[in-house]
Protein backbone atom coordinates (compact mmCIF):
# COMPACT_ATOMS: atom_id res chain seq x y z
CA MET A 1 0.00 0.00 0.00
CA LYS A 2 1.37 3.42 -0.93
CA LYS A 3 2.34 5.85 1.83
CA ASP A 4 2.21 9.66 1.57
CA PHE A 5 4.20 12.35 3.38
CA ILE A 6 1.66 15.10 3.98
CA THR A 7 1.74 16.03 7.66
CA ILE A 8 3.99 15.21 10.59
CA LYS A 9 0.83 14.32 12.48
CA ASP A 10 0.75 11.07 10.47
CA LEU A 11 4.26 10.03 11.54
CA THR A 12 5.12 8.02 14.62
CA LYS A 13 8.11 8.87 16.77
CA LYS A 14 9.77 5.68 15.52
CA GLU A 15 9.24 6.67 11.88
CA ILE A 16 10.83 10.07 12.54
CA GLU A 17 13.78 8.43 14.30
CA ASP A 18 14.21 6.04 11.36
CA ILE A 19 14.25 8.95 8.90
CA PHE A 20 16.84 10.76 11.04
CA LYS A 21 19.00 7.62 11.29
CA LEU A 22 18.91 7.18 7.52
CA THR A 23 19.68 10.90 7.06
CA GLY A 24 22.87 10.49 9.07
CA GLN A 25 23.89 7.51 6.94
CA LEU A 26 23.20 9.46 3.74
CA LYS A 27 25.41 12.31 4.91
CA LYS A 28 28.30 10.01 5.84
CA HIS A 29 28.11 7.53 2.98
CA LYS A 30 26.73 9.43 -0.02
CA ALA A 31 28.17 7.06 -2.64
CA LYS A 32 26.59 4.02 -0.99
CA PHE A 33 23.12 5.27 -1.92
CA ASN A 34 23.75 6.60 -5.43
CA ARG A 35 21.70 3.90 -7.18
CA VAL A 36 18.91 3.11 -4.73
CA LEU A 37 16.27 4.98 -6.77
CA THR A 38 17.53 4.12 -10.25
CA GLY A 39 14.63 4.20 -12.68
CA LYS A 40 12.38 6.18 -10.32
CA THR A 41 10.94 9.57 -11.29
CA LEU A 42 9.59 12.33 -9.04
CA ALA A 43 7.11 14.90 -10.41
CA LEU A 44 7.50 18.35 -8.85
CA ILE A 45 4.27 20.33 -9.15
CA PHE A 46 4.91 23.86 -7.92
CA GLN A 47 2.16 26.47 -7.69
CA LYS A 48 4.52 28.62 -5.61
CA PRO A 49 8.11 29.57 -6.51
CA SER A 50 10.91 27.86 -4.61
CA ASN A 51 14.66 27.76 -4.15
CA ARG A 52 15.45 25.17 -1.45
CA THR A 53 12.45 22.88 -1.98
CA ARG A 54 12.89 22.52 -5.72
CA VAL A 55 16.68 22.27 -5.77
CA SER A 56 16.90 19.88 -2.82
CA PHE A 57 14.34 17.51 -4.33
CA GLU A 58 15.88 17.63 -7.83
CA VAL A 59 19.44 17.18 -6.57
CA GLY A 60 18.29 14.56 -4.09
CA MET A 61 16.68 12.39 -6.77
CA CYS A 62 19.77 12.78 -8.95
CA GLN A 63 22.12 11.74 -6.12
CA LEU A 64 19.96 8.67 -5.45
CA GLY A 65 20.10 7.63 -9.11
CA GLY A 66 16.58 8.75 -10.00
CA ASN A 67 15.05 11.51 -12.10
CA SER A 68 12.70 14.44 -11.55
CA ILE A 69 10.44 16.52 -13.75
CA TYR A 70 9.44 20.07 -12.81
CA LEU A 71 5.94 21.30 -13.63
CA ALA A 72 5.59 25.06 -13.23
CA PRO A 73 2.23 26.74 -12.47
CA HIS A 74 1.58 27.76 -16.08
CA GLU A 75 2.42 24.28 -17.40
CA ILE A 76 -0.23 22.36 -15.49
CA ASP A 77 -2.53 25.09 -14.08
CA LEU A 78 -3.70 22.61 -11.48
CA GLY A 79 -7.40 22.72 -10.70
CA VAL A 80 -8.13 25.16 -13.57
CA ARG A 81 -6.93 23.74 -16.87
CA GLU A 82 -7.21 20.24 -15.45
CA SER A 83 -8.82 18.91 -12.29
CA ILE A 84 -6.56 17.75 -9.47
CA ARG A 85 -8.20 14.34 -9.70
CA ASP A 86 -7.42 13.93 -13.41
CA ALA A 87 -3.86 15.25 -12.98
CA ALA A 88 -3.23 12.83 -10.10
CA MET A 89 -4.58 9.84 -11.99
CA THR A 90 -2.62 10.71 -15.14
CA LEU A 91 0.69 11.43 -13.42
CA SER A 92 0.39 8.19 -11.46
CA ARG A 93 0.77 6.36 -14.79
CA TYR A 94 4.04 8.19 -15.54
CA VAL A 95 5.92 8.82 -12.29
CA ASP A 96 6.74 7.07 -9.03
CA ALA A 97 6.01 9.97 -6.65
CA ILE A 98 4.58 13.49 -6.68
CA ALA A 99 5.79 16.47 -4.63
CA LEU A 100 3.22 19.27 -4.54
CA ARG A 101 3.95 22.82 -3.39
CA THR A 102 0.67 24.70 -3.25
CA PHE A 103 -1.44 27.33 -1.51
CA LYS A 104 -4.35 25.20 -0.28
CA HIS A 105 -3.70 22.17 1.89
CA ASP A 106 -6.90 20.61 0.53
CA ASP A 107 -5.23 20.41 -2.88
CA ILE A 108 -2.58 18.10 -1.44
CA LEU A 109 -5.22 15.96 0.24
CA GLU A 110 -7.12 15.67 -3.03
CA MET A 111 -3.95 14.84 -4.95
CA ALA A 112 -3.13 12.09 -2.44
CA LYS A 113 -6.68 10.74 -2.58
CA TYR A 114 -6.56 10.10 -6.33
CA SER A 115 -2.85 9.40 -6.80
CA ALA A 116 -1.71 5.80 -6.98
CA VAL A 117 1.84 6.89 -6.06
CA PRO A 118 3.17 8.61 -2.91
CA VAL A 119 2.43 12.33 -2.55
CA ILE A 120 4.81 14.62 -0.66
CA ASN A 121 3.77 17.95 0.83
CA GLY A 122 6.36 20.44 -0.46
CA LEU A 123 4.48 23.25 1.36
CA SER A 124 0.86 24.21 1.89
CA ASP A 125 -0.95 26.93 3.81
CA ILE A 126 -1.21 24.62 6.83
CA GLU A 127 2.08 22.73 6.97
CA HIS A 128 5.66 22.54 5.70
CA PRO A 129 6.66 19.11 7.02
CA CYS A 130 9.87 18.67 5.02
CA GLN A 131 11.18 21.92 6.47
CA ALA A 132 10.33 20.99 10.06
CA MET A 133 11.90 17.55 9.71
CA ALA A 134 15.14 19.15 8.50
CA ASP A 135 14.96 21.69 11.34
CA VAL A 136 14.57 19.10 14.08
CA TYR A 137 17.26 16.90 12.52
CA THR A 138 19.63 19.89 12.52
CA ILE A 139 19.01 20.54 16.22
CA LYS A 140 19.65 16.87 17.02
CA GLU A 141 22.82 16.98 14.93
CA LYS A 142 24.12 20.02 16.81
CA PHE A 143 23.28 18.90 20.35
CA GLY A 144 23.44 15.14 19.98
CA LYS A 145 19.97 14.90 21.53
CA LEU A 146 16.53 16.49 21.54
CA LYS A 147 15.19 15.80 25.01
CA GLY A 148 15.96 18.69 27.35
CA ILE A 149 16.55 21.16 24.51
CA THR A 150 14.41 24.30 24.30
CA LEU A 151 13.53 25.83 20.93
CA ALA A 152 12.01 29.31 20.86
CA TYR A 153 10.11 30.18 17.70
CA VAL A 154 9.61 33.94 17.35
CA GLY A 155 7.24 35.26 14.69
CA ASP A 156 4.19 34.35 12.66
CA GLY A 157 2.24 31.24 13.63
CA ASN A 158 2.37 30.07 10.02
CA ASN A 159 2.73 26.72 8.25
CA VAL A 160 6.35 26.31 9.34
CA CYS A 161 5.35 26.95 12.94
CA SER A 162 2.52 24.39 12.68
CA SER A 163 4.87 21.69 11.43
CA LEU A 164 7.42 22.56 14.11
CA LEU A 165 4.72 22.24 16.76
CA ARG A 166 3.93 18.73 15.62
CA ALA A 167 7.55 17.69 15.07
CA CYS A 168 8.69 18.95 18.48
CA ALA A 169 5.77 17.19 20.20
CA LYS A 170 6.71 13.88 18.54
CA CYS A 171 10.41 14.27 19.40
CA ASP A 172 10.22 15.50 23.02
CA LEU A 173 11.72 18.85 22.04
CA ARG A 174 10.50 21.71 24.23
CA LEU A 175 8.97 24.52 22.16
CA ASN A 176 8.11 28.10 23.09
CA VAL A 177 6.21 30.15 20.51
CA ALA A 178 6.16 33.96 20.61
CA ALA A 179 3.69 35.74 18.34
CA PRO A 180 1.62 38.94 18.41
CA LYS A 181 -2.05 38.61 19.23
CA GLY A 182 -3.97 37.69 16.11
CA TYR A 183 -0.96 35.89 14.60
CA GLU A 184 -0.82 32.85 16.88
CA PRO A 185 -0.43 29.33 15.48
CA ASP A 186 -3.56 27.35 14.66
CA ASN A 187 -5.23 26.66 18.00
CA SER A 188 -6.27 23.12 17.09
CA ILE A 189 -2.64 22.23 16.29
CA LEU A 190 -1.37 24.04 19.40
CA LYS A 191 -3.73 21.94 21.54
CA GLU A 192 -2.17 18.74 20.20
CA THR A 193 1.14 19.72 21.79
CA SER A 194 2.62 20.86 25.09
CA ALA A 195 4.18 23.98 23.55
CA ASN A 196 4.06 27.27 25.43
CA LEU A 197 2.55 30.35 23.79
CA PHE A 198 3.94 33.81 24.61
CA TYR A 199 2.99 37.30 23.51
CA ASN A 200 6.37 38.63 24.61
CA SER A 201 9.44 37.53 22.66
CA SER A 202 11.92 38.14 25.51
CA GLU A 203 9.98 35.82 27.81
CA ALA A 204 9.78 33.14 25.14
CA VAL A 205 13.54 33.01 24.55
CA LYS A 206 14.58 32.90 28.22
CA GLY A 207 16.72 29.80 28.66
CA ALA A 208 16.36 28.84 25.00
CA ASP A 209 19.04 26.72 23.35
CA VAL A 210 17.83 27.69 19.87
CA ILE A 211 15.96 30.71 18.48
CA TYR A 212 14.08 30.25 15.20
CA THR A 213 12.27 32.81 13.08
CA ASP A 214 10.59 33.15 9.69
CA VAL A 215 9.37 35.99 7.48
CA TRP A 216 6.51 38.09 8.83
CA ALA A 217 4.60 37.98 5.53
CA SER A 218 4.68 34.70 3.61
CA MET A 219 3.98 34.22 -0.10
CA GLY A 220 0.41 35.28 -0.81
CA GLN A 221 0.41 37.77 2.08
CA GLU A 222 2.32 40.55 0.36
CA LYS A 223 -0.65 42.97 0.62
CA GLU A 224 -0.48 42.59 4.42
CA ALA A 225 3.25 43.35 4.60
CA GLU A 226 3.02 46.88 6.04
CA ILE A 227 0.33 45.91 8.57
CA ARG A 228 2.41 42.94 9.64
CA LYS A 229 5.58 45.04 10.04
CA LYS A 230 3.76 47.11 12.66
CA ALA A 231 2.29 44.06 14.40
CA PHE A 232 5.64 42.26 14.58
CA LYS A 233 7.92 45.20 15.42
CA ASP A 234 8.62 43.79 18.90
CA PHE A 235 9.30 40.29 17.55
CA GLN A 236 12.51 40.91 15.64
CA VAL A 237 15.37 38.50 16.35
CA ASN A 238 18.19 40.91 17.05
CA ARG A 239 21.27 41.01 19.25
CA GLU A 240 19.31 42.40 22.20
CA LEU A 241 16.73 39.59 22.07
CA VAL A 242 19.43 36.93 21.75
CA LYS A 243 20.95 38.16 25.02
CA SER A 244 17.84 36.88 26.82
CA ALA A 245 18.54 33.30 25.70
CA LYS A 246 21.36 30.99 26.73
CA LYS A 247 24.86 32.30 26.13
CA ASP A 248 25.63 30.05 23.16
CA CYS A 249 22.10 29.99 21.75
CA LEU A 250 21.94 28.84 18.13
CA ILE A 251 20.02 30.79 15.47
CA MET A 252 17.75 29.28 12.81
CA HIS A 253 15.70 30.63 9.90
CA CYS A 254 13.97 28.55 7.21
CA LEU A 255 14.77 31.14 4.49
CA PRO A 256 14.30 33.20 2.45
CA ALA A 257 15.12 35.87 5.02
CA HIS A 258 14.12 39.52 4.93
CA ARG A 259 17.25 40.84 6.58
CA ASP A 260 16.71 43.58 9.15
CA GLU A 261 13.00 42.82 9.31
CA GLU A 262 12.34 39.58 11.22
CA ILE A 263 16.07 39.07 11.83
CA THR A 264 19.03 41.45 11.79
CA ALA A 265 21.96 40.82 9.47
CA ASP A 266 24.46 40.59 12.33
CA VAL A 267 22.47 37.77 13.94
CA ILE A 268 21.84 35.69 10.81
CA ASP A 269 25.51 36.08 9.83
CA GLY A 270 26.79 35.63 13.39
CA ALA A 271 28.97 32.84 14.75
CA ASN A 272 25.99 31.05 16.31
CA SER A 273 23.88 30.99 13.15
CA ILE A 274 23.21 27.50 11.77
CA VAL A 275 20.86 28.76 9.08
CA PHE A 276 22.82 27.31 6.18
CA ASP A 277 23.46 23.99 7.91
CA GLN A 278 19.69 23.89 8.34
CA ALA A 279 19.18 24.66 4.63
CA GLU A 280 21.66 21.94 3.60
CA ASN A 281 19.83 19.38 5.70
CA ARG A 282 16.71 19.84 3.58
CA LEU A 283 18.59 17.83 0.94
CA HIS A 284 19.64 14.99 3.23
CA VAL A 285 16.34 14.63 5.10
CA GLN A 286 14.31 14.69 1.88
CA LYS A 287 16.56 12.02 0.39
CA ALA A 288 15.76 9.86 3.40
CA ILE A 289 12.04 10.53 2.95
CA LEU A 290 12.23 9.65 -0.74
CA ILE A 291 13.98 6.37 0.02
CA LYS A 292 11.44 5.46 2.70
CA LEU A 293 8.58 6.12 0.25
CA LEU A 294 10.07 4.63 -2.91
CA GLU A 295 12.58 1.90 -2.10
CA ARG A 296 10.31 -1.15 -2.23
């Protein structure tokens, strides 16, 4: 039976640990895995532009001996030129997996419903599970453990935050979320976890081992940018805020970053920034996910 990768909610702790274990092996022994997906093809359907998601999936398939095909918004016009159902059923005859990066989470659910091959959530308005998996793996890589580590997420309670909430809950990683009122994470997802919600960023980062932030206005929210700048003005990750955390607190950002908005340039470029290690791990974690879904 085919398995999809749509939300971290669907994963068990053991499945996450297995993905992380395989990720470590892929990083250490790259050549050992260079033919495991020979003859396999991944379709990349992107309704939103991407740097890390597209490149990491394309390079990942190549390094595993497989292929990928990129379908831009104008090429497939999903749900307009052709129904999601028909696209899913057609592509299932051609490819071995589908990665969909879209606006509406329901589009991914519909794609998975009618696809005969695994569907991967490359980002939706509700979750960004590949990103969160890479984030948590990076923290484990840096500290050698997850239990007892505190992650403070400062900013918008968006899709990245939602996936982090679920990933941290599964992995026994303590999570503090700081957001302005009206921009909190989805309450139903928050209730699934033991995360702490703060409306003051300094309080949220006290004792934190890691501080994480994201843009204040995501793709599709550009018209809200000026309103959001005012709402988030006290939630910038800057040198002063970092002082409230542990002395050697690490800094994370899922990128792309709007420097000197949600994070100052001196912090993202500082000695404690692991932002680009985090970005690199998208490649390794997604390779592990692809193997788990396709190597049968």
